[in-house]
């Protein structure tokens, strides 16, 4: 009996369809201006790829900031719980989860059973998130996917004092005008994200093993900076961007199993 999880984030929507603990298919697509329509299209695309219809799904859980708009969801759960569940599924030894998404970042500490023990979240601004990197890539006149490559070529690290996206943008423009290498600026930007994320980690307490989830986990320069800052080897799952949707699908399976036992 297939179930699904859908994560409606600020920048992307992810859908995961599972059956008996196995991922049948998943989709990642931009949220664009209408999260409700984007979610419906993402679900339709995933269902088609899995050879299913919406009525075939036994249980659907929605998560993410746009979860309240998903009318076809049976239940809505916070992304913190969903990311914790996905991390435990990928690696039961994980005790700390670092999630850096499009508009917020969070650090979650887990129990041995994969339950949330504590968490800290930066949801007041886009500092140190995917949106922050998008803006900085535009200022440096490179594609977002090229930002890590630029950082790899750095000879030095330029300190970025502003973490607010707006102020940091002005600071980077000024640094470029001073003739500082773009490579060194890029390295400094990645370091600033690691510094800010480490502050969240310190609030909940670092406990190994550590996993990173969210779209920014695909940026190796951020992961490298975090490895160095935290002095640990951070685990990167095969597709870190689907963590929220995967956790929602796993929780949907649990809900279905529990309901079957009651009935």
Protein backbone atom coordinates (compact mmCIF):
# COMPACT_ATOMS: atom_id res chain seq x y z
CA UNK A 1 0.00 0.00 0.00
CA UNK A 2 1.77 3.17 -1.17
CA UNK A 3 2.07 6.29 0.97
CA UNK A 4 3.51 9.72 0.26
CA UNK A 5 5.25 12.62 1.91
CA UNK A 6 5.31 16.12 0.47
CA UNK A 7 7.55 18.96 1.63
CA UNK A 8 6.54 22.46 0.51
CA UNK A 9 9.52 24.70 1.04
CA UNK A 10 10.14 28.33 0.12
CA UNK A 11 12.23 27.48 -2.95
CA UNK A 12 11.38 23.89 -3.84
CA UNK A 13 8.72 21.22 -3.40
CA UNK A 14 9.69 17.59 -2.86
CA UNK A 15 7.46 14.54 -3.06
CA UNK A 16 8.41 11.00 -2.02
CA UNK A 17 6.21 7.96 -2.66
CA UNK A 18 7.05 4.84 -0.68
CA UNK A 19 5.73 1.33 -0.26
CA UNK A 20 6.76 -0.98 2.57
CA UNK A 21 9.86 1.07 3.35
CA UNK A 22 11.05 1.35 -0.24
CA UNK A 23 11.14 4.60 -2.25
CA UNK A 24 9.15 4.13 -5.44
CA UNK A 25 9.85 7.58 -6.84
CA UNK A 26 10.60 11.15 -5.80
CA UNK A 27 10.39 14.57 -7.41
CA UNK A 28 12.06 17.92 -6.75
CA UNK A 29 10.68 21.01 -8.46
CA UNK A 30 10.66 24.80 -7.89
CA UNK A 31 7.94 26.20 -5.64
CA UNK A 32 7.61 29.34 -7.81
CA UNK A 33 4.97 31.92 -6.91
CA UNK A 34 2.13 29.54 -5.99
CA UNK A 35 3.08 26.82 -3.52
CA UNK A 36 -0.32 25.09 -3.74
CA UNK A 37 -0.15 24.67 -7.52
CA UNK A 38 3.53 23.68 -7.36
CA UNK A 39 2.71 21.00 -4.79
CA UNK A 40 -0.14 19.62 -6.89
CA UNK A 41 2.07 19.47 -9.99
CA UNK A 42 4.90 17.82 -8.06
CA UNK A 43 2.52 15.18 -6.70
CA UNK A 44 1.02 14.57 -10.15
CA UNK A 45 4.48 14.18 -11.69
CA UNK A 46 5.60 11.74 -8.99
CA UNK A 47 2.42 9.68 -9.25
CA UNK A 48 2.80 9.39 -13.03
CA UNK A 49 6.41 8.27 -12.67
CA UNK A 50 5.36 5.64 -10.11
CA UNK A 51 2.43 4.50 -12.26
CA UNK A 52 -0.10 5.50 -9.62
CA UNK A 53 -3.08 7.80 -9.08
CA UNK A 54 -3.80 10.00 -6.07
CA UNK A 55 -6.58 7.62 -4.98
CA UNK A 56 -4.02 4.80 -4.81
CA UNK A 57 -2.20 6.50 -1.94
CA UNK A 58 -3.26 5.13 1.43
CA UNK A 59 -1.89 8.01 3.49
CA UNK A 60 -0.27 11.38 2.75
CA UNK A 61 1.60 13.62 5.18
CA UNK A 62 2.56 17.21 4.32
CA UNK A 63 5.39 19.20 5.87
CA UNK A 64 7.22 22.46 5.26
CA UNK A 65 6.05 26.05 5.51
CA UNK A 66 3.29 25.49 2.90
CA UNK A 67 1.88 22.32 4.43
CA UNK A 68 -1.40 23.95 5.46
CA UNK A 69 -2.31 24.51 1.79
CA UNK A 70 -2.24 20.81 0.87
CA UNK A 71 -5.86 19.74 0.82
CA UNK A 72 -5.14 16.10 -0.12
CA UNK A 73 -2.92 15.51 2.92
CA UNK A 74 -4.26 13.30 5.70
CA UNK A 75 -2.01 14.95 8.26
CA UNK A 76 0.48 17.81 8.60
CA UNK A 77 3.70 17.52 10.62
CA UNK A 78 6.53 19.97 11.25
CA UNK A 79 9.68 19.64 9.13
CA UNK A 80 11.81 19.21 12.25
CA UNK A 81 10.11 15.91 13.06
CA UNK A 82 10.29 14.83 9.41
CA UNK A 83 13.99 15.59 8.99
CA UNK A 84 14.74 13.71 12.20
CA UNK A 85 12.83 10.68 10.95
CA UNK A 86 14.59 10.70 7.58
CA UNK A 87 18.05 11.04 9.13
CA UNK A 88 17.38 8.08 11.42
CA UNK A 89 16.15 6.06 8.43
CA UNK A 90 19.29 6.81 6.44
CA UNK A 91 21.64 6.19 9.36
CA UNK A 92 20.43 5.11 12.83
CA UNK A 93 23.74 6.25 14.34
CA UNK A 94 23.05 9.92 13.57
CA UNK A 95 22.55 12.07 16.66
CA UNK A 96 22.85 15.58 15.18
CA UNK A 97 21.11 16.78 12.02
CA UNK A 98 22.06 20.02 10.30
CA UNK A 99 19.39 21.13 7.85
CA UNK A 100 20.13 24.13 5.64
CA UNK A 101 17.22 24.91 3.36
CA UNK A 102 16.14 27.73 1.11
CA UNK A 103 15.06 30.27 3.72
CA UNK A 104 15.93 28.80 7.11
CA UNK A 105 18.40 26.53 8.82
CA UNK A 106 18.05 24.28 11.83
CA UNK A 107 20.04 21.88 13.98
CA UNK A 108 18.29 18.90 15.55
CA UNK A 109 19.62 16.57 18.23
CA UNK A 110 18.24 13.02 18.17
CA UNK A 111 17.84 10.21 20.65
CA UNK A 112 18.94 6.65 19.91
CA UNK A 113 15.40 5.98 18.68
CA UNK A 114 15.54 8.93 16.28
CA UNK A 115 13.26 11.16 18.36
CA UNK A 116 13.82 14.91 18.61
CA UNK A 117 15.62 15.73 21.86
CA UNK A 118 16.32 19.40 21.16
CA UNK A 119 16.59 21.80 18.24
CA UNK A 120 17.65 25.32 17.34
CA UNK A 121 16.37 27.21 14.33
CA UNK A 122 17.25 30.31 12.33
CA UNK A 123 13.97 31.37 10.73
CA UNK A 124 14.15 35.15 11.22
CA UNK A 125 16.03 35.87 7.99
CA UNK A 126 17.70 34.15 5.04
CA UNK A 127 21.20 34.45 6.49
CA UNK A 128 23.27 31.35 5.94
CA UNK A 129 20.66 29.62 3.76
CA UNK A 130 20.17 28.63 0.14
CA UNK A 131 18.69 32.02 -0.65
CA UNK A 132 21.80 33.68 0.83
CA UNK A 133 23.99 31.64 -1.53
CA UNK A 134 21.76 32.43 -4.52
CA UNK A 135 22.10 36.18 -3.94
CA UNK A 136 25.87 35.96 -3.42
CA UNK A 137 26.30 33.92 -6.60
CA UNK A 138 24.51 36.65 -8.53
CA UNK A 139 26.78 39.32 -7.03
CA UNK A 140 29.86 37.27 -7.93
CA UNK A 141 28.41 36.73 -11.43
CA UNK A 142 28.55 32.94 -11.35
CA UNK A 143 25.93 30.22 -11.42
CA UNK A 144 24.92 28.86 -8.02
CA UNK A 145 26.30 25.47 -9.05
CA UNK A 146 29.70 27.10 -9.73
CA UNK A 147 30.06 28.75 -6.34
CA UNK A 148 31.81 25.77 -4.74
CA UNK A 149 34.22 25.54 -7.69
CA UNK A 150 35.09 29.20 -7.21
CA UNK A 151 35.72 28.60 -3.52
CA UNK A 152 37.99 25.63 -4.30
CA UNK A 153 40.40 27.97 -6.10
CA UNK A 154 40.77 30.40 -3.19
CA UNK A 155 44.22 31.23 -1.88
CA UNK A 156 42.91 33.06 1.19
CA UNK A 157 39.69 33.53 3.13
CA UNK A 158 38.10 36.97 3.02
CA UNK A 159 36.19 37.63 6.23
CA UNK A 160 32.52 38.51 5.68
CA UNK A 161 31.34 40.47 8.69
CA UNK A 162 27.66 40.79 7.69
CA UNK A 163 25.41 37.74 7.82
CA UNK A 164 22.23 39.62 6.90
CA UNK A 165 21.71 38.89 3.19
CA UNK A 166 21.08 42.53 2.29
CA UNK A 167 24.11 43.87 4.17
CA UNK A 168 26.33 41.00 3.03
CA UNK A 169 25.41 41.74 -0.58
CA UNK A 170 26.59 45.34 -0.16
CA UNK A 171 29.74 44.13 1.60
CA UNK A 172 30.60 41.71 -1.22
CA UNK A 173 30.04 44.43 -3.84
CA UNK A 174 32.47 46.62 -1.89
CA UNK A 175 35.05 43.83 -1.65
CA UNK A 176 34.88 43.25 -5.40
CA UNK A 177 35.34 46.98 -5.99
CA UNK A 178 38.48 46.82 -3.82
CA UNK A 179 39.90 44.26 -6.22
CA UNK A 180 39.83 41.28 -3.88
CA UNK A 181 39.73 37.91 -5.69
CA UNK A 182 36.24 36.51 -6.18
CA UNK A 183 37.58 33.08 -5.19
CA UNK A 184 38.65 34.35 -1.78
CA UNK A 185 35.32 36.11 -1.29
CA UNK A 186 33.45 32.91 -2.15
CA UNK A 187 35.52 31.00 0.39
CA UNK A 188 34.71 33.65 2.98
CA UNK A 189 30.99 33.36 2.26
CA UNK A 190 31.05 29.60 2.79
CA UNK A 191 33.03 30.08 5.98
CA UNK A 192 30.48 32.59 7.26
CA UNK A 193 27.70 30.03 6.76
CA UNK A 194 29.73 27.46 8.70
CA UNK A 195 30.29 29.97 11.50
CA UNK A 196 26.60 30.79 11.78
CA UNK A 197 25.57 27.13 11.63
CA UNK A 198 28.10 26.25 14.31
CA UNK A 199 26.35 28.74 16.58
CA UNK A 200 23.13 26.74 16.19
CA UNK A 201 25.01 23.49 16.82
CA UNK A 202 26.46 24.89 20.04
CA UNK A 203 22.97 25.79 21.25
CA UNK A 204 21.77 22.16 21.12
CA UNK A 205 25.13 20.49 21.76
CA UNK A 206 27.18 18.55 19.24
CA UNK A 207 26.79 14.80 19.41
CA UNK A 208 28.18 12.50 16.73
CA UNK A 209 27.38 11.15 14.20
CA UNK A 210 26.40 14.31 12.30
CA UNK A 211 24.33 14.42 9.10
CA UNK A 212 23.54 17.37 6.85
CA UNK A 213 20.25 17.63 4.95
CA UNK A 214 18.62 20.22 2.71
CA UNK A 215 19.63 21.61 -0.67
CA UNK A 216 22.73 23.39 0.65
CA UNK A 217 24.17 19.97 1.56
CA UNK A 218 24.95 19.65 -2.16
CA UNK A 219 27.42 22.53 -1.86
CA UNK A 220 30.69 20.79 -1.00
CA UNK A 221 32.35 24.07 0.04
CA UNK A 222 29.78 24.56 2.82
CA UNK A 223 30.16 20.94 3.94
CA UNK A 224 33.96 21.24 3.94
CA UNK A 225 33.82 24.43 6.01
CA UNK A 226 31.49 22.73 8.50
CA UNK A 227 33.71 19.65 8.69
CA UNK A 228 36.64 21.88 9.61
CA UNK A 229 34.67 24.07 12.02
CA UNK A 230 33.06 21.18 13.88
CA UNK A 231 36.10 18.93 13.59
CA UNK A 232 34.03 15.98 12.45
CA UNK A 233 33.16 14.09 9.27
CA UNK A 234 29.64 15.07 8.28
CA UNK A 235 27.47 12.42 6.64
CA UNK A 236 25.77 13.45 3.38
CA UNK A 237 22.81 11.26 2.34
CA UNK A 238 22.39 10.21 -1.29
CA UNK A 239 19.73 12.90 -1.93
CA UNK A 240 19.76 15.33 1.02
CA UNK A 241 17.11 17.59 -0.52
CA UNK A 242 14.29 15.06 -0.07
CA UNK A 243 14.80 14.63 3.68
CA UNK A 244 11.60 16.43 4.67
CA UNK A 245 9.43 14.58 2.18
CA UNK A 246 11.08 11.24 2.97
CA UNK A 247 10.50 11.72 6.68
CA UNK A 248 6.87 12.62 5.99
CA UNK A 249 6.44 9.46 3.89
CA UNK A 250 8.00 7.31 6.63
CA UNK A 251 5.66 8.84 9.21
CA UNK A 252 2.74 8.24 6.82
CA UNK A 253 3.68 4.57 6.74
CA UNK A 254 3.77 4.50 10.54
CA UNK A 255 0.33 6.15 10.74
CA UNK A 256 -1.04 3.59 8.29
CA UNK A 257 0.46 0.70 10.23
CA UNK A 258 -0.90 2.02 13.55
CA UNK A 259 -4.38 2.53 12.11
CA UNK A 260 -4.34 -1.03 10.74
CA UNK A 261 -3.50 -2.40 14.21
CA UNK A 262 -6.37 -0.44 15.80
CA UNK A 263 -8.86 -1.60 13.19
